Amino acid sequence: MQPFELNRHGRIVFPSNFIPELDFSTLSSVDHLDAVIRRDFDTKAPTVSEILSRHELGKYGSKFEIMRDMALNVFWADRFTLMMFERRVTRWGDVPRNRDDVYMPRLTPWPEAEERLGAVEQAYRGLPRAWDSAAEDRIFDRLFAVFGSRRHFAGDLPSVKPTVTQLISDPENITLRVRHYDPNHPVFGYDEILDCHEDVAELEALSRWSMVLHNQQPWEGSELELVRVADLKDDDYVVVSHPRNREVQRFINRAMSGKTRKATSYTRHEPVAPSAPYPAVDVRSEFAIAPRI
């Protein structure tokens, strides 16, 4: 992935701001992965309870502020899948049972999910717009389609999903089923996300986030349900996860076998002051072409 790109509107876009990536070849163990995930997701994302508490305390001044926290929460809930897996909806009868590179989620039902997530929607509806009502409602609808479809606890998800063999070893395990699957469900292409444009920069960034999160669930959110493995039929559609690339699978193989590699160590150099102060760069006066971000 390029560190930055110029979109068709002539704006510089940083893909890493909306498509997180990890170099799994540098990770030494599951604990190492967990530490990275905690740093990048857990410490930044509020829980649903925290979102509702902040609303009750009047800490949200606009629709944008609560949407930003909703997006952070969804990124956190999808933290391992975003980094490691690609979801594919597959007919249960066609899912291989004995491969070590095909995974499925094992979930814990969240009984209060519909009530709690519905309360977040009501909170959004009652807040004033920040800049553009139409744009904010459009982004919210896309975001809530993902945020509001969750029916399981996200805090206890394992770093590595179980393989299909591990999942079916206990018929009482809970996984995901898509009641009616449309293979033509629309998703956003990379260029569409890159070229996303809103008049307000904050809304543009949030819109890109919502597009990325939409792509994580290529199905209608209302069609998603939890189901016991024992209740699955061959013609049911289930959510199957495949490693995003070879390095992810190699990391999983290392982690599961216990053959973890030694973490790379670096020599830390103490910072020292320059021998002479560096002069400030006055972009406006020194450069003929001004940056446009």
Protein backbone atom coordinates (compact mmCIF):
# COMPACT_ATOMS: atom_id res chain seq x y z
CA MET A 1 0.00 0.00 0.00
CA GLN A 2 1.32 3.41 -0.96
CA PRO A 3 2.01 5.80 1.95
CA PHE A 4 -0.09 8.45 0.22
CA GLU A 5 -2.05 8.86 -3.00
CA LEU A 6 -3.53 11.71 -5.00
CA ASN A 7 -7.23 11.17 -5.64
CA ARG A 8 -9.25 12.47 -8.58
CA HIS A 9 -10.18 15.60 -6.64
CA GLY A 10 -6.51 16.54 -6.40
CA ARG A 11 -6.32 15.80 -2.68
CA ILE A 12 -3.58 13.90 -0.90
CA VAL A 13 -5.03 10.84 0.85
CA PHE A 14 -3.23 8.60 3.35
CA PRO A 15 -4.62 5.04 2.95
CA SER A 16 -3.24 3.95 6.32
CA ASN A 17 -5.75 6.33 7.94
CA PHE A 18 -8.66 4.12 6.87
CA ILE A 19 -7.17 0.74 5.91
CA PRO A 20 -5.09 -0.57 8.82
CA GLU A 21 -2.30 -3.01 8.00
CA LEU A 22 0.16 -5.05 10.03
CA ASP A 23 3.37 -6.72 8.93
CA PHE A 24 2.76 -10.17 10.41
CA SER A 25 6.26 -11.31 9.53
CA THR A 26 7.51 -9.13 12.41
CA LEU A 27 5.12 -10.51 15.05
CA SER A 28 6.62 -13.08 17.37
CA SER A 29 3.55 -14.52 19.16
CA VAL A 30 -0.15 -14.15 19.92
CA ASP A 31 0.79 -12.05 22.96
CA HIS A 32 2.77 -9.76 20.67
CA LEU A 33 -0.26 -9.42 18.37
CA ASP A 34 -2.56 -8.73 21.33
CA ALA A 35 -0.25 -5.97 22.53
CA VAL A 36 -0.30 -4.31 19.11
CA ILE A 37 -4.09 -4.58 18.87
CA ARG A 38 -4.53 -3.11 22.36
CA ARG A 39 -2.28 -0.21 21.39
CA ASP A 40 -4.05 0.51 18.10
CA PHE A 41 -7.67 -0.30 18.98
CA ASP A 42 -8.53 -1.04 22.62
CA THR A 43 -7.12 2.16 24.08
CA LYS A 44 -8.90 4.37 21.52
CA ALA A 45 -12.34 2.80 21.14
CA PRO A 46 -15.24 3.38 23.55
CA THR A 47 -17.61 0.54 24.40
CA VAL A 48 -21.33 0.81 23.67
CA SER A 49 -21.91 1.42 27.39
CA GLU A 50 -19.39 4.25 27.35
CA ILE A 51 -21.06 5.80 24.30
CA LEU A 52 -24.44 5.76 26.05
CA SER A 53 -22.91 7.10 29.26
CA ARG A 54 -21.24 9.96 27.41
CA HIS A 55 -24.56 10.81 25.78
CA GLU A 56 -26.38 10.78 29.12
CA LEU A 57 -23.75 13.13 30.53
CA GLY A 58 -24.20 15.51 27.59
CA LYS A 59 -20.68 15.05 26.26
CA TYR A 60 -21.75 14.77 22.62
CA GLY A 61 -22.36 18.16 21.08
CA SER A 62 -23.24 16.94 17.60
CA LYS A 63 -24.10 13.94 15.45
CA PHE A 64 -20.53 13.80 14.16
CA GLU A 65 -19.07 13.25 17.62
CA ILE A 66 -21.21 10.22 18.41
CA MET A 67 -20.65 8.79 14.91
CA ARG A 68 -16.90 9.03 15.39
CA ASP A 69 -17.15 6.95 18.56
CA MET A 70 -19.46 4.46 16.83
CA ALA A 71 -16.90 3.99 14.06
CA LEU A 72 -14.10 3.50 16.59
CA ASN A 73 -16.23 0.90 18.35
CA VAL A 74 -16.85 -1.04 15.12
CA PHE A 75 -13.15 -0.94 14.24
CA TRP A 76 -12.46 -2.35 17.71
CA ALA A 77 -15.13 -5.05 17.40
CA ASP A 78 -13.64 -6.08 14.03
CA ARG A 79 -10.05 -5.58 15.14
CA PHE A 80 -8.74 -9.07 14.36
CA THR A 81 -10.72 -9.58 11.15
CA LEU A 82 -9.63 -6.21 9.76
CA MET A 83 -6.00 -7.12 10.22
CA MET A 84 -6.02 -10.83 9.51
CA PHE A 85 -8.99 -12.15 7.56
CA GLU A 86 -11.24 -11.73 4.58
CA ARG A 87 -14.86 -12.72 5.19
CA ARG A 88 -16.71 -14.76 2.58
CA VAL A 89 -20.30 -15.94 2.74
CA THR A 90 -20.37 -19.64 1.85
CA ARG A 91 -23.00 -22.35 1.67
CA TRP A 92 -22.52 -24.52 4.77
CA GLY A 93 -22.52 -27.71 2.72
CA ASP A 94 -19.58 -26.36 0.70
CA VAL A 95 -17.41 -25.33 3.66
CA PRO A 96 -14.36 -27.64 3.95
CA ARG A 97 -14.24 -29.32 7.33
CA ASN A 98 -10.59 -30.33 7.59
CA ARG A 99 -8.47 -27.43 6.30
CA ASP A 100 -6.21 -25.45 8.61
CA ASP A 101 -6.61 -22.20 6.65
CA VAL A 102 -10.40 -21.83 6.82
CA TYR A 103 -11.84 -20.24 9.94
CA MET A 104 -15.23 -19.42 11.42
CA PRO A 105 -16.24 -17.23 14.37
CA ARG A 106 -17.20 -18.76 17.71
CA LEU A 107 -19.38 -16.18 19.44
CA THR A 108 -21.09 -15.41 22.72
CA PRO A 109 -24.64 -14.02 22.35
CA TRP A 110 -25.31 -10.51 23.65
CA PRO A 111 -28.95 -10.56 24.86
CA GLU A 112 -29.22 -6.78 25.28
CA ALA A 113 -27.67 -5.98 21.90
CA GLU A 114 -30.80 -4.79 20.11
CA GLU A 115 -31.88 -2.59 23.00
CA ARG A 116 -28.45 -1.06 23.60
CA LEU A 117 -27.64 -0.45 19.95
CA GLY A 118 -31.11 0.97 19.39
CA ALA A 119 -30.46 3.41 22.23
CA VAL A 120 -27.35 4.64 20.41
CA GLU A 121 -29.44 5.24 17.29
CA GLN A 122 -31.95 7.25 19.30
CA ALA A 123 -29.12 9.25 20.82
CA TYR A 124 -27.86 10.13 17.35
CA ARG A 125 -31.32 11.19 16.17
CA GLY A 126 -31.63 13.61 19.08
CA LEU A 127 -28.33 15.42 18.51
CA PRO A 128 -27.88 18.53 16.34
CA ARG A 129 -25.98 18.37 13.08
CA ALA A 130 -22.35 19.41 13.03
CA TRP A 131 -22.14 20.70 9.45
CA ASP A 132 -24.30 18.96 6.85
CA SER A 133 -27.44 17.07 7.85
CA ALA A 134 -27.78 15.15 4.58
CA ALA A 135 -24.15 14.01 4.55
CA GLU A 136 -24.19 13.10 8.24
CA ASP A 137 -27.39 11.05 7.90
CA ARG A 138 -25.98 9.27 4.84
CA ILE A 139 -22.81 8.34 6.70
CA PHE A 140 -24.78 7.30 9.78
CA ASP A 141 -27.06 4.97 7.80
CA ARG A 142 -24.04 3.23 6.29
CA LEU A 143 -22.27 3.04 9.64
CA PHE A 144 -25.28 1.88 11.64
CA ALA A 145 -25.98 -0.93 9.16
CA VAL A 146 -22.77 -2.49 10.52
CA PHE A 147 -22.82 -1.16 14.08
CA GLY A 148 -26.47 -2.10 14.65
CA SER A 149 -26.24 -5.65 13.28
CA ARG A 150 -24.00 -6.98 16.05
CA ARG A 151 -25.65 -9.55 18.31
CA HIS A 152 -22.60 -10.90 20.14
CA PHE A 153 -20.06 -9.74 22.70
CA ALA A 154 -16.93 -8.39 21.04
CA GLY A 155 -14.69 -8.14 24.08
CA ASP A 156 -13.96 -11.85 24.37
CA LEU A 157 -13.07 -12.56 20.74
CA PRO A 158 -9.89 -14.64 20.38
CA SER A 159 -6.94 -13.35 18.37
CA VAL A 160 -7.11 -16.37 16.09
CA LYS A 161 -10.51 -17.71 15.07
CA PRO A 162 -11.13 -21.45 15.39
CA THR A 163 -10.82 -23.59 12.30
CA VAL A 164 -13.98 -25.26 11.04
CA THR A 165 -12.79 -28.51 12.60
CA GLN A 166 -12.46 -26.83 15.98
CA LEU A 167 -15.83 -25.10 15.65
CA ILE A 168 -17.82 -28.24 14.83
CA SER A 169 -16.13 -30.22 17.61
CA ASP A 170 -18.85 -28.84 19.91
CA PRO A 171 -22.34 -28.70 18.34
CA GLU A 172 -23.34 -26.07 20.92
CA ASN A 173 -20.86 -23.52 19.57
CA ILE A 174 -22.48 -20.35 18.23
CA THR A 175 -21.55 -18.87 14.85
CA LEU A 176 -23.03 -16.54 12.20
CA ARG A 177 -25.66 -17.34 9.59
CA VAL A 178 -26.94 -15.06 6.81
CA ARG A 179 -30.63 -15.80 6.37
CA HIS A 180 -30.98 -14.52 2.81
CA TYR A 181 -27.71 -13.89 1.02
CA ASP A 182 -27.45 -11.67 -2.04
CA PRO A 183 -24.16 -12.35 -3.86
CA ASN A 184 -24.61 -9.02 -5.64
CA HIS A 185 -24.68 -7.02 -2.42
CA PRO A 186 -22.84 -3.78 -3.29
CA VAL A 187 -19.40 -3.05 -1.89
CA PHE A 188 -17.04 -0.13 -2.41
CA GLY A 189 -13.98 -0.41 -4.61
CA TYR A 190 -10.64 0.96 -3.47
CA ASP A 191 -10.82 3.90 -5.88
CA GLU A 192 -14.33 4.75 -4.67
CA ILE A 193 -13.03 4.96 -1.12
CA LEU A 194 -9.98 6.93 -2.21
CA ASP A 195 -12.08 9.40 -4.21
CA CYS A 196 -14.70 9.89 -1.49
CA HIS A 197 -15.44 13.60 -1.21
CA GLU A 198 -17.28 15.68 1.36
CA ASP A 199 -17.16 19.44 1.79
CA VAL A 200 -15.96 19.03 5.38
CA ALA A 201 -12.69 17.17 5.93
CA GLU A 202 -13.89 15.50 9.14
CA LEU A 203 -16.96 14.11 7.37
CA GLU A 204 -14.85 12.93 4.46
CA ALA A 205 -12.59 10.94 6.78
CA LEU A 206 -15.58 9.46 8.60
CA SER A 207 -17.25 8.61 5.31
CA ARG A 208 -14.16 6.63 4.25
CA TRP A 209 -14.24 4.76 7.54
CA SER A 210 -17.89 3.88 7.01
CA MET A 211 -17.15 2.58 3.50
CA VAL A 212 -14.33 0.35 4.76
CA LEU A 213 -16.53 -1.01 7.55
CA HIS A 214 -19.39 -1.58 5.10
CA ASN A 215 -17.07 -3.76 3.02
CA GLN A 216 -16.33 -5.90 6.07
CA GLN A 217 -19.91 -7.16 5.95
CA PRO A 218 -20.84 -7.85 2.30
CA TRP A 219 -24.42 -8.76 3.19
CA GLU A 220 -27.55 -7.05 4.48
CA GLY A 221 -27.04 -6.49 8.20
CA SER A 222 -30.65 -7.31 9.07
CA GLU A 223 -30.17 -10.80 7.61
CA LEU A 224 -27.41 -11.72 10.07
CA GLU A 225 -28.21 -14.01 12.99
CA LEU A 226 -26.53 -16.22 15.56
CA VAL A 227 -27.00 -19.96 15.25
CA ARG A 228 -25.83 -23.15 16.95
CA VAL A 229 -23.57 -25.32 14.84
CA ALA A 230 -25.97 -28.22 15.46
CA ASP A 231 -28.78 -26.26 13.77
CA LEU A 232 -26.94 -25.53 10.53
CA LYS A 233 -28.29 -27.07 7.32
CA ASP A 234 -26.32 -27.66 4.13
CA ASP A 235 -28.14 -24.87 2.27
CA ASP A 236 -27.58 -22.29 5.02
CA TYR A 237 -25.15 -19.47 4.30
CA VAL A 238 -22.44 -18.96 6.91
CA VAL A 239 -19.62 -16.46 7.36
CA VAL A 240 -16.21 -18.01 6.69
CA SER A 241 -12.88 -16.26 7.20
CA HIS A 242 -9.77 -16.72 5.05
CA PRO A 243 -6.31 -15.28 5.81
CA ARG A 244 -5.71 -12.00 4.01
CA ASN A 245 -2.28 -13.08 2.83
CA ARG A 246 0.40 -15.71 3.24
CA GLU A 247 2.13 -13.94 6.13
CA VAL A 248 -1.07 -14.05 8.21
CA GLN A 249 -1.35 -17.82 7.76
CA ARG A 250 2.34 -18.30 8.52
CA PHE A 251 1.91 -16.27 11.70
CA ILE A 252 -1.08 -18.40 12.74
CA ASN A 253 0.89 -21.58 12.06
CA ARG A 254 3.79 -20.31 14.19
CA ALA A 255 1.53 -19.16 17.00
CA MET A 256 -0.52 -22.36 17.13
CA SER A 257 2.53 -24.63 16.96
CA GLY A 258 4.38 -22.74 19.68
CA LYS A 259 7.32 -22.11 17.34
CA THR A 260 7.39 -18.39 17.92
CA ARG A 261 10.24 -16.38 16.51
CA LYS A 262 12.35 -14.12 18.64
CA ALA A 263 11.12 -10.56 18.64
CA THR A 264 13.33 -8.10 16.80
CA SER A 265 15.27 -5.86 19.16
CA TYR A 266 16.56 -2.42 18.39
CA THR A 267 19.28 -0.32 19.95
CA ARG A 268 17.81 2.78 21.52
CA HIS A 269 19.89 5.92 21.06
CA GLU A 270 19.52 8.76 23.49
CA PRO A 271 18.35 11.95 21.78
CA VAL A 272 20.81 14.82 21.68
CA ALA A 273 20.28 18.46 20.86
CA PRO A 274 21.57 19.67 17.46
CA SER A 275 24.80 21.64 17.45
CA ALA A 276 22.88 24.61 16.07
CA PRO A 277 19.12 25.28 15.94
CA TYR A 278 17.41 24.33 12.70
CA PRO A 279 15.75 27.31 11.02
CA ALA A 280 11.98 27.13 10.65
CA VAL A 281 10.57 26.38 7.19
CA ASP A 282 8.11 29.00 6.01
CA VAL A 283 6.13 27.06 3.42
CA ARG A 284 4.11 30.04 2.23
CA SER A 285 7.14 32.18 1.42
CA GLU A 286 9.68 29.54 0.37
CA PHE A 287 7.64 27.31 -1.94
CA ALA A 288 5.90 28.30 -5.14
CA ILE A 289 3.53 25.31 -5.03
CA ALA A 290 1.50 25.07 -1.84
CA PRO A 291 0.48 21.65 -0.48
CA ARG A 292 -3.17 20.73 -0.71
CA ILE A 293 -4.38 18.11 1.76
